[in-house]
């Protein structure tokens, strides 16, 4: 499929919830990495705020095809 898109998702949570949340998120990532349109995925910690995480995802599809799923 032609085209590409980048998704950026930000999360903010209490420090005590971050370890469990991150572990569960990595399980979701394992499934996402098997999808045909998957290109790249990164989980980033905000250097200025330890309560914030960001997911940076690159897919080989259009926003319209992504929404139709």
N, C-alpha and C. Protein backbone atom coordinates (compact mmCIF):
# COMPACT_ATOMS: atom_id res chain seq x y z
N UNK A 1 0.84 -1.18 0.00
CA UNK A 1 0.00 0.00 0.00
C UNK A 1 0.88 1.24 0.00
N UNK A 2 0.55 2.19 -0.83
CA UNK A 2 1.33 3.42 -0.91
C UNK A 2 1.03 4.31 0.29
N UNK A 3 1.95 5.22 0.56
CA UNK A 3 1.74 6.17 1.64
C UNK A 3 2.39 5.71 2.93
N UNK A 4 2.36 6.58 3.86
CA UNK A 4 2.91 6.27 5.17
C UNK A 4 2.38 7.27 6.17
N UNK A 5 2.45 6.90 7.42
CA UNK A 5 1.98 7.81 8.46
C UNK A 5 2.73 7.56 9.76
N UNK A 6 2.77 8.58 10.57
CA UNK A 6 3.40 8.50 11.88
C UNK A 6 2.34 8.83 12.92
N UNK A 7 2.28 8.00 13.94
CA UNK A 7 1.38 8.23 15.07
C UNK A 7 2.21 8.57 16.29
N UNK A 8 1.80 9.57 17.02
CA UNK A 8 2.44 9.92 18.28
C UNK A 8 1.34 9.92 19.35
N UNK A 9 1.53 9.06 20.35
CA UNK A 9 0.55 8.93 21.43
C UNK A 9 1.26 9.25 22.74
N UNK A 10 0.68 10.14 23.50
CA UNK A 10 1.27 10.54 24.78
C UNK A 10 0.42 10.05 25.94
N UNK A 11 1.11 9.61 26.98
CA UNK A 11 0.45 9.13 28.19
C UNK A 11 1.03 9.88 29.38
N UNK A 12 0.18 10.14 30.35
CA UNK A 12 0.62 10.75 31.60
C UNK A 12 0.00 9.95 32.73
N UNK A 13 0.82 9.56 33.70
CA UNK A 13 0.33 8.70 34.78
C UNK A 13 1.12 8.91 36.04
N UNK A 14 0.61 8.36 37.12
CA UNK A 14 1.34 8.38 38.39
C UNK A 14 2.58 7.51 38.27
N UNK A 15 3.62 7.89 38.94
CA UNK A 15 4.87 7.12 38.93
C UNK A 15 4.65 5.66 39.29
N UNK A 16 3.79 5.39 40.27
CA UNK A 16 3.56 4.03 40.74
C UNK A 16 2.89 3.13 39.71
N UNK A 17 2.22 3.70 38.74
CA UNK A 17 1.51 2.91 37.73
C UNK A 17 2.35 2.68 36.48
N UNK A 18 3.46 3.38 36.36
CA UNK A 18 4.22 3.36 35.11
C UNK A 18 4.82 2.00 34.78
N UNK A 19 5.36 1.29 35.74
CA UNK A 19 6.00 0.00 35.47
C UNK A 19 4.98 -1.02 34.96
N UNK A 20 3.83 -1.11 35.60
CA UNK A 20 2.80 -2.06 35.15
C UNK A 20 2.25 -1.66 33.78
N UNK A 21 2.01 -0.38 33.59
CA UNK A 21 1.50 0.12 32.32
C UNK A 21 2.48 -0.19 31.19
N UNK A 22 3.74 0.08 31.42
CA UNK A 22 4.78 -0.16 30.41
C UNK A 22 4.87 -1.64 30.06
N UNK A 23 4.79 -2.51 31.04
CA UNK A 23 4.83 -3.95 30.79
C UNK A 23 3.66 -4.39 29.91
N UNK A 24 2.47 -3.90 30.20
CA UNK A 24 1.30 -4.25 29.40
C UNK A 24 1.40 -3.66 28.00
N UNK A 25 1.91 -2.45 27.90
CA UNK A 25 2.07 -1.80 26.60
C UNK A 25 3.03 -2.58 25.71
N UNK A 26 4.09 -3.11 26.29
CA UNK A 26 5.05 -3.90 25.51
C UNK A 26 4.41 -5.17 24.97
N UNK A 27 3.44 -5.73 25.68
CA UNK A 27 2.69 -6.87 25.17
C UNK A 27 1.87 -6.49 23.94
N UNK A 28 1.28 -5.31 23.98
CA UNK A 28 0.53 -4.80 22.83
C UNK A 28 1.48 -4.58 21.65
N UNK A 29 2.66 -4.04 21.95
CA UNK A 29 3.65 -3.79 20.90
C UNK A 29 4.04 -5.07 20.18
N UNK A 30 4.14 -6.16 20.90
CA UNK A 30 4.53 -7.44 20.30
C UNK A 30 3.53 -7.85 19.22
N UNK A 31 2.26 -7.57 19.44
CA UNK A 31 1.23 -7.88 18.44
C UNK A 31 1.29 -6.88 17.28
N UNK A 32 1.51 -5.62 17.59
CA UNK A 32 1.56 -4.59 16.55
C UNK A 32 2.70 -4.84 15.57
N UNK A 33 3.83 -5.31 16.08
CA UNK A 33 5.01 -5.53 15.24
C UNK A 33 4.78 -6.62 14.19
N UNK A 34 3.77 -7.45 14.38
CA UNK A 34 3.46 -8.53 13.43
C UNK A 34 2.51 -8.07 12.32
N UNK A 35 1.95 -6.88 12.45
CA UNK A 35 1.00 -6.39 11.46
C UNK A 35 1.71 -6.04 10.16
N UNK A 36 1.03 -6.27 9.06
CA UNK A 36 1.61 -6.08 7.73
C UNK A 36 2.10 -4.65 7.47
N UNK A 37 1.41 -3.67 8.00
CA UNK A 37 1.76 -2.27 7.72
C UNK A 37 2.73 -1.68 8.74
N UNK A 38 3.15 -2.46 9.71
CA UNK A 38 4.08 -1.98 10.75
C UNK A 38 5.45 -1.67 10.15
N UNK A 39 6.05 -0.55 10.57
CA UNK A 39 7.40 -0.19 10.15
C UNK A 39 8.31 -0.05 11.37
N UNK A 40 7.92 0.80 12.32
CA UNK A 40 8.80 1.10 13.46
C UNK A 40 7.97 1.55 14.65
N UNK A 41 8.49 1.31 15.85
CA UNK A 41 7.80 1.69 17.07
C UNK A 41 8.83 2.01 18.14
N UNK A 42 8.60 3.10 18.86
CA UNK A 42 9.49 3.47 19.96
C UNK A 42 8.67 3.92 21.16
N UNK A 43 9.11 3.55 22.34
CA UNK A 43 8.52 4.02 23.59
C UNK A 43 9.54 4.94 24.22
N UNK A 44 9.15 6.19 24.45
CA UNK A 44 10.08 7.20 24.95
C UNK A 44 9.61 7.76 26.28
N UNK A 45 10.57 8.01 27.15
CA UNK A 45 10.32 8.65 28.45
C UNK A 45 10.59 10.14 28.30
N UNK A 46 9.69 10.97 28.75
CA UNK A 46 9.89 12.42 28.73
C UNK A 46 10.98 12.78 29.73
N UNK A 47 12.06 13.37 29.26
CA UNK A 47 13.17 13.72 30.13
C UNK A 47 12.84 14.80 31.15
N UNK A 48 11.83 15.61 30.86
CA UNK A 48 11.46 16.69 31.76
C UNK A 48 10.37 16.34 32.75
N UNK A 49 9.64 15.25 32.48
CA UNK A 49 8.53 14.87 33.35
C UNK A 49 8.46 13.35 33.42
N UNK A 50 8.87 12.75 34.53
CA UNK A 50 8.90 11.28 34.64
C UNK A 50 7.51 10.63 34.60
N UNK A 51 6.46 11.42 34.67
CA UNK A 51 5.11 10.87 34.60
C UNK A 51 4.61 10.72 33.16
N UNK A 52 5.40 11.19 32.19
CA UNK A 52 4.95 11.19 30.80
C UNK A 52 5.74 10.20 29.95
N UNK A 53 5.01 9.43 29.15
CA UNK A 53 5.58 8.52 28.17
C UNK A 53 5.03 8.88 26.80
N UNK A 54 5.77 8.54 25.76
CA UNK A 54 5.32 8.80 24.41
C UNK A 54 5.61 7.59 23.54
N UNK A 55 4.63 7.21 22.74
CA UNK A 55 4.80 6.15 21.75
C UNK A 55 4.89 6.81 20.39
N UNK A 56 5.94 6.46 19.66
CA UNK A 56 6.18 6.97 18.30
C UNK A 56 6.09 5.76 17.38
N UNK A 57 5.11 5.78 16.47
CA UNK A 57 4.85 4.62 15.61
C UNK A 57 4.82 5.04 14.15
N UNK A 58 5.48 4.27 13.30
CA UNK A 58 5.48 4.52 11.86
C UNK A 58 4.80 3.34 11.19
N UNK A 59 3.88 3.65 10.28
CA UNK A 59 3.14 2.61 9.55
C UNK A 59 3.19 2.90 8.05
N UNK A 60 3.11 1.83 7.29
CA UNK A 60 3.11 1.91 5.84
C UNK A 60 1.65 1.82 5.36
N UNK A 61 0.93 2.90 5.60
CA UNK A 61 -0.46 2.99 5.18
C UNK A 61 -0.91 4.44 5.29
N UNK A 62 -2.11 4.70 4.82
CA UNK A 62 -2.64 6.05 4.89
C UNK A 62 -3.49 6.21 6.15
N UNK A 63 -3.71 7.44 6.56
CA UNK A 63 -4.60 7.64 7.71
C UNK A 63 -6.00 7.06 7.47
N UNK A 64 -6.48 7.14 6.24
CA UNK A 64 -7.80 6.62 5.92
C UNK A 64 -7.87 5.10 6.09
N UNK A 65 -6.84 4.40 5.62
CA UNK A 65 -6.84 2.93 5.76
C UNK A 65 -6.68 2.52 7.22
N UNK A 66 -5.95 3.30 7.99
CA UNK A 66 -5.78 3.01 9.41
C UNK A 66 -7.10 3.14 10.16
N UNK A 67 -7.85 4.17 9.86
CA UNK A 67 -9.12 4.42 10.53
C UNK A 67 -10.14 3.33 10.19
N UNK A 68 -10.08 2.78 8.99
CA UNK A 68 -11.04 1.75 8.56
C UNK A 68 -10.85 0.43 9.28
N UNK A 69 -9.72 0.22 9.91
CA UNK A 69 -9.46 -1.06 10.59
C UNK A 69 -10.34 -1.27 11.78
